Amino acid sequence: EVKVMLNTSTQLLSLAKREADVAVRTAKPENPDLIARRLARWPTGLFASKAYLKRHGEPVAGTAFAGHDLVVYQPHLSANRAHTLVGEPLQGGRLVSGVYSSLMLRAMIKAGIGIGELPLPFGERDGLVRVWPERSTAVPYDVWLVTHQDLRHTARIRALIDEIVAAFKQGA
């Protein structure tokens, strides 16, 4: 008797206002009424498609991506922080796209549009080439399961939570 309405947008629904019962998010909520459980913590690396590397070659470390096309997660560019990919400045590269969805970022890298950062399991699963495998981002990619504390023991919510946790343990 569980009905799943899957919203894959980047808009955060309010669990406190009951706009959703369960959420999978990449940021831990600060609301004390919400219960969060880390599902995954993955290092993030730099990836490119084989086709992109065949056309452009691998970037040279220390050149700020000179001669390379870059695709980035736009909220990272909008934040007040240094603009880098795995610690390498971006100013020598050509920013060809800023996206608001990790699914779009994956698709653009896979399509050979540019080089970008992805959690390691995503890049590996997509058959991408890890560029500079000795480098990762300073902050890992966390995935959190979030629900309101009043709902965590409800049978239908518990069943859904158990399925999501099991899927992540299997490498979803």
C-alpha atoms as a PDB file:
ATOM      1  CA  GLU A   1       0.000   0.000   0.000  1.00  0.00           C
ATOM      2  CA  VAL A   2       2.909   2.370  -0.601  1.00  0.00           C
ATOM      3  CA  LYS A   3       2.470   4.920  -3.365  1.00  0.00           C
ATOM      4  CA  VAL A   4       5.661   6.599  -4.567  1.00  0.00           C
ATOM      5  CA  MET A   5       5.511  10.042  -6.147  1.00  0.00           C
ATOM      6  CA  LEU A   6       9.065  10.608  -7.351  1.00  0.00           C
ATOM      7  CA  ASN A   7      10.216  14.210  -7.709  1.00  0.00           C
ATOM      8  CA  THR A   8      13.700  14.422  -9.216  1.00  0.00           C
ATOM      9  CA  SER A   9      13.859  18.200  -9.459  1.00  0.00           C
ATOM     10  CA  THR A  10      16.438  20.207  -7.579  1.00  0.00           C
ATOM     11  CA  GLN A  11      13.676  22.077  -5.748  1.00  0.00           C
ATOM     12  CA  LEU A  12      13.684  21.122  -2.066  1.00  0.00           C
ATOM     13  CA  LEU A  13      10.263  20.197  -0.781  1.00  0.00           C
ATOM     14  CA  SER A  14       9.599  20.878   2.882  1.00  0.00           C
ATOM     15  CA  LEU A  15       9.331  17.736   4.956  1.00  0.00           C
ATOM     16  CA  ALA A  16       8.478  19.895   7.986  1.00  0.00           C
ATOM     17  CA  LYS A  17       5.431  21.221   6.094  1.00  0.00           C
ATOM     18  CA  ARG A  18       4.615  17.672   4.908  1.00  0.00           C
ATOM     19  CA  GLU A  19       5.215  18.475   1.234  1.00  0.00           C
ATOM     20  CA  ALA A  20       6.970  15.078   1.163  1.00  0.00           C
ATOM     21  CA  ASP A  21       7.316  12.181   3.583  1.00  0.00           C
ATOM     22  CA  VAL A  22      10.804  11.008   2.628  1.00  0.00           C
ATOM     23  CA  ALA A  23      13.613  12.707   0.731  1.00  0.00           C
ATOM     24  CA  VAL A  24      17.003  11.682  -0.606  1.00  0.00           C
ATOM     25  CA  ARG A  25      19.250  14.747  -0.545  1.00  0.00           C
ATOM     26  CA  THR A  26      22.873  15.731  -0.911  1.00  0.00           C
ATOM     27  CA  ALA A  27      22.793  18.083   2.073  1.00  0.00           C
ATOM     28  CA  LYS A  28      22.048  17.203   5.684  1.00  0.00           C
ATOM     29  CA  PRO A  29      19.079  19.227   6.953  1.00  0.00           C
ATOM     30  CA  GLU A  30      19.472  21.484   9.957  1.00  0.00           C
ATOM     31  CA  ASN A  31      15.830  21.297  11.112  1.00  0.00           C
ATOM     32  CA  PRO A  32      15.776  19.418  14.462  1.00  0.00           C
ATOM     33  CA  ASP A  33      12.368  17.888  13.617  1.00  0.00           C
ATOM     34  CA  LEU A  34      13.903  15.970  10.724  1.00  0.00           C
ATOM     35  CA  ILE A  35      15.784  12.694  11.002  1.00  0.00           C
ATOM     36  CA  ALA A  36      18.687  12.266   8.595  1.00  0.00           C
ATOM     37  CA  ARG A  37      20.662   9.127   7.847  1.00  0.00           C
ATOM     38  CA  ARG A  38      23.732   9.146   5.618  1.00  0.00           C
ATOM     39  CA  LEU A  39      23.245   6.654   2.809  1.00  0.00           C
ATOM     40  CA  ALA A  40      26.555   7.208   1.054  1.00  0.00           C
ATOM     41  CA  ARG A  41      29.761   9.230   1.136  1.00  0.00           C
ATOM     42  CA  TRP A  42      31.646   9.152  -2.125  1.00  0.00           C
ATOM     43  CA  PRO A  43      34.836  10.871  -3.225  1.00  0.00           C
ATOM     44  CA  THR A  44      34.397  13.137  -6.239  1.00  0.00           C
ATOM     45  CA  GLY A  45      36.817  13.109  -9.141  1.00  0.00           C
ATOM     46  CA  LEU A  46      37.305  14.619 -12.564  1.00  0.00           C
ATOM     47  CA  PHE A  47      35.803  12.727 -15.508  1.00  0.00           C
ATOM     48  CA  ALA A  48      35.629  12.887 -19.287  1.00  0.00           C
ATOM     49  CA  SER A  49      34.274  10.627 -21.992  1.00  0.00           C
ATOM     50  CA  LYS A  50      36.648   8.605 -24.167  1.00  0.00           C
ATOM     51  CA  ALA A  51      35.386  10.567 -27.183  1.00  0.00           C
ATOM     52  CA  TYR A  52      36.169  13.907 -25.508  1.00  0.00           C
ATOM     53  CA  LEU A  53      39.705  12.787 -24.616  1.00  0.00           C
ATOM     54  CA  LYS A  54      40.241  11.489 -28.153  1.00  0.00           C
ATOM     55  CA  ARG A  55      39.333  14.929 -29.565  1.00  0.00           C
ATOM     56  CA  HIS A  56      41.038  17.144 -26.950  1.00  0.00           C
ATOM     57  CA  GLY A  57      43.544  14.990 -25.106  1.00  0.00           C
ATOM     58  CA  GLU A  58      43.936  15.010 -21.341  1.00  0.00           C
ATOM     59  CA  PRO A  59      44.357  18.402 -19.649  1.00  0.00           C
ATOM     60  CA  VAL A  60      47.771  19.188 -18.245  1.00  0.00           C
ATOM     61  CA  ALA A  61      47.816  19.815 -14.492  1.00  0.00           C
ATOM     62  CA  GLY A  62      48.839  23.363 -13.619  1.00  0.00           C
ATOM     63  CA  THR A  63      47.443  24.939 -16.813  1.00  0.00           C
ATOM     64  CA  ALA A  64      43.988  25.822 -15.401  1.00  0.00           C
ATOM     65  CA  PHE A  65      42.387  23.631 -18.104  1.00  0.00           C
ATOM     66  CA  ALA A  66      43.865  25.595 -21.015  1.00  0.00           C
ATOM     67  CA  GLY A  67      42.285  24.410 -24.271  1.00  0.00           C
ATOM     68  CA  HIS A  68      39.568  22.363 -22.578  1.00  0.00           C
ATOM     69  CA  ASP A  69      35.791  22.540 -22.356  1.00  0.00           C
ATOM     70  CA  LEU A  70      34.271  22.379 -18.879  1.00  0.00           C
ATOM     71  CA  VAL A  71      30.828  21.478 -17.598  1.00  0.00           C
ATOM     72  CA  VAL A  72      30.052  22.406 -14.012  1.00  0.00           C
ATOM     73  CA  TYR A  73      27.356  22.180 -11.403  1.00  0.00           C
ATOM     74  CA  GLN A  74      26.118  25.785 -11.492  1.00  0.00           C
ATOM     75  CA  PRO A  75      25.336  26.176  -7.761  1.00  0.00           C
ATOM     76  CA  HIS A  76      29.036  25.584  -7.036  1.00  0.00           C
ATOM     77  CA  LEU A  77      29.936  28.494  -9.310  1.00  0.00           C
ATOM     78  CA  SER A  78      27.292  30.689  -7.699  1.00  0.00           C
ATOM     79  CA  ALA A  79      28.624  30.007  -4.196  1.00  0.00           C
ATOM     80  CA  ASN A  80      31.292  32.244  -2.728  1.00  0.00           C
ATOM     81  CA  ARG A  81      34.212  29.871  -3.114  1.00  0.00           C
ATOM     82  CA  ALA A  82      37.196  29.382  -5.374  1.00  0.00           C
ATOM     83  CA  HIS A  83      36.201  28.201  -8.823  1.00  0.00           C
ATOM     84  CA  THR A  84      38.086  24.944  -9.275  1.00  0.00           C
ATOM     85  CA  LEU A  85      37.619  21.386 -10.424  1.00  0.00           C
ATOM     86  CA  VAL A  86      39.469  18.937  -8.151  1.00  0.00           C
ATOM     87  CA  GLY A  87      41.533  21.876  -6.943  1.00  0.00           C
ATOM     88  CA  GLU A  88      42.576  23.099 -10.405  1.00  0.00           C
ATOM     89  CA  PRO A  89      41.560  26.698 -11.267  1.00  0.00           C
ATOM     90  CA  LEU A  90      39.126  27.037 -14.169  1.00  0.00           C
ATOM     91  CA  GLN A  91      40.255  30.285 -15.794  1.00  0.00           C
ATOM     92  CA  GLY A  92      42.209  28.647 -18.638  1.00  0.00           C
ATOM     93  CA  GLY A  93      39.310  26.463 -19.717  1.00  0.00           C
ATOM     94  CA  ARG A  94      36.148  27.274 -21.612  1.00  0.00           C
ATOM     95  CA  LEU A  95      33.018  26.983 -19.504  1.00  0.00           C
ATOM     96  CA  VAL A  96      30.573  25.475 -21.985  1.00  0.00           C
ATOM     97  CA  SER A  97      27.749  24.682 -19.585  1.00  0.00           C
ATOM     98  CA  GLY A  98      26.554  25.205 -16.038  1.00  0.00           C
ATOM     99  CA  VAL A  99      23.750  22.850 -14.999  1.00  0.00           C
ATOM    100  CA  TYR A 100      21.494  22.600 -11.955  1.00  0.00           C
ATOM    101  CA  SER A 101      21.139  18.836 -11.910  1.00  0.00           C
ATOM    102  CA  SER A 102      23.671  16.080 -11.303  1.00  0.00           C
ATOM    103  CA  LEU A 103      21.783  13.967 -13.854  1.00  0.00           C
ATOM    104  CA  MET A 104      22.338  16.638 -16.506  1.00  0.00           C
ATOM    105  CA  LEU A 105      25.989  16.981 -15.504  1.00  0.00           C
ATOM    106  CA  ARG A 106      26.471  13.240 -15.950  1.00  0.00           C
ATOM    107  CA  ALA A 107      24.701  13.288 -19.309  1.00  0.00           C
ATOM    108  CA  MET A 108      26.803  16.177 -20.625  1.00  0.00           C
ATOM    109  CA  ILE A 109      30.090  14.576 -19.583  1.00  0.00           C
ATOM    110  CA  LYS A 110      28.996  11.242 -21.028  1.00  0.00           C
ATOM    111  CA  ALA A 111      28.022  12.969 -24.303  1.00  0.00           C
ATOM    112  CA  GLY A 112      31.552  14.356 -24.606  1.00  0.00           C
ATOM    113  CA  ILE A 113      30.589  18.003 -24.191  1.00  0.00           C
ATOM    114  CA  GLY A 114      33.269  18.668 -21.592  1.00  0.00           C
ATOM    115  CA  ILE A 115      35.170  17.614 -18.499  1.00  0.00           C
ATOM    116  CA  GLY A 116      33.520  17.774 -15.067  1.00  0.00           C
ATOM    117  CA  GLU A 117      33.406  16.536 -11.480  1.00  0.00           C
ATOM    118  CA  LEU A 118      31.336  13.524 -10.506  1.00  0.00           C
ATOM    119  CA  PRO A 119      31.126  11.174  -7.548  1.00  0.00           C
ATOM    120  CA  LEU A 120      33.359   8.208  -8.397  1.00  0.00           C
ATOM    121  CA  PRO A 121      30.562   5.610  -8.596  1.00  0.00           C
ATOM    122  CA  PHE A 122      28.674   7.754 -11.142  1.00  0.00           C
ATOM    123  CA  GLY A 123      31.653   8.236 -13.433  1.00  0.00           C
ATOM    124  CA  GLU A 124      32.644   4.585 -13.206  1.00  0.00           C
ATOM    125  CA  ARG A 125      29.092   3.352 -13.805  1.00  0.00           C
ATOM    126  CA  ASP A 126      28.822   5.614 -16.864  1.00  0.00           C
ATOM    127  CA  GLY A 127      32.038   4.196 -18.356  1.00  0.00           C
ATOM    128  CA  LEU A 128      33.840   7.537 -18.157  1.00  0.00           C
ATOM    129  CA  VAL A 129      37.584   8.045 -17.840  1.00  0.00           C
ATOM    130  CA  ARG A 130      38.855   9.449 -14.570  1.00  0.00           C
ATOM    131  CA  VAL A 131      41.257  12.292 -15.309  1.00  0.00           C
ATOM    132  CA  TRP A 132      43.977  12.864 -12.701  1.00  0.00           C
ATOM    133  CA  PRO A 133      42.936   9.909 -10.497  1.00  0.00           C
ATOM    134  CA  GLU A 134      45.220  11.097  -7.713  1.00  0.00           C
ATOM    135  CA  ARG A 135      42.964  14.133  -7.195  1.00  0.00           C
ATOM    136  CA  SER A 136      39.568  14.402  -5.518  1.00  0.00           C
ATOM    137  CA  THR A 137      37.495  17.289  -4.246  1.00  0.00           C
ATOM    138  CA  ALA A 138      38.132  18.385  -0.668  1.00  0.00           C
ATOM    139  CA  VAL A 139      34.516  17.708   0.292  1.00  0.00           C
ATOM    140  CA  PRO A 140      33.018  14.277  -0.475  1.00  0.00           C
ATOM    141  CA  TYR A 141      29.584  13.815  -2.053  1.00  0.00           C
ATOM    142  CA  ASP A 142      27.177  12.809   0.718  1.00  0.00           C
ATOM    143  CA  VAL A 143      23.726  11.352   0.178  1.00  0.00           C
ATOM    144  CA  TRP A 144      21.178  11.641   2.991  1.00  0.00           C
ATOM    145  CA  LEU A 145      17.830   9.971   3.612  1.00  0.00           C
ATOM    146  CA  VAL A 146      15.563  12.423   5.407  1.00  0.00           C
ATOM    147  CA  THR A 147      12.137  12.096   7.002  1.00  0.00           C
ATOM    148  CA  HIS A 148      10.123  13.865   9.659  1.00  0.00           C
ATOM    149  CA  GLN A 149      10.649  12.321  13.099  1.00  0.00           C
ATOM    150  CA  ASP A 150       6.883  11.812  13.515  1.00  0.00           C
ATOM    151  CA  LEU A 151       6.772   9.538  10.451  1.00  0.00           C
ATOM    152  CA  ARG A 152       9.826   7.332  10.876  1.00  0.00           C
ATOM    153  CA  HIS A 153       7.916   4.539  12.657  1.00  0.00           C
ATOM    154  CA  THR A 154       4.886   4.578  10.329  1.00  0.00           C
ATOM    155  CA  ALA A 155       4.752   1.171   8.596  1.00  0.00           C
ATOM    156  CA  ARG A 156       4.535   2.479   5.010  1.00  0.00           C
ATOM    157  CA  ILE A 157       7.333   5.007   5.611  1.00  0.00           C
ATOM    158  CA  ARG A 158       9.484   2.388   7.342  1.00  0.00           C
ATOM    159  CA  ALA A 159       8.980   0.033   4.366  1.00  0.00           C
ATOM    160  CA  LEU A 160      10.051   2.735   1.922  1.00  0.00           C
ATOM    161  CA  ILE A 161      13.061   3.714   4.040  1.00  0.00           C
ATOM    162  CA  ASP A 162      14.150   0.055   4.265  1.00  0.00           C
ATOM    163  CA  GLU A 163      13.954  -0.311   0.469  1.00  0.00           C
ATOM    164  CA  ILE A 164      15.949   2.862  -0.153  1.00  0.00           C
ATOM    165  CA  VAL A 165      18.626   1.830   2.364  1.00  0.00           C
ATOM    166  CA  ALA A 166      18.832  -1.637   0.782  1.00  0.00           C
ATOM    167  CA  ALA A 167      19.187  -0.128  -2.700  1.00  0.00           C
ATOM    168  CA  PHE A 168      22.100   2.028  -1.567  1.00  0.00           C
ATOM    169  CA  LYS A 169      23.776  -0.947   0.118  1.00  0.00           C
ATOM    170  CA  GLN A 170      23.547  -2.797  -3.197  1.00  0.00           C
ATOM    171  CA  GLY A 171      25.205   0.093  -4.986  1.00  0.00           C
ATOM    172  CA  ALA A 172      22.199   1.883  -6.471  1.00  0.00           C
END
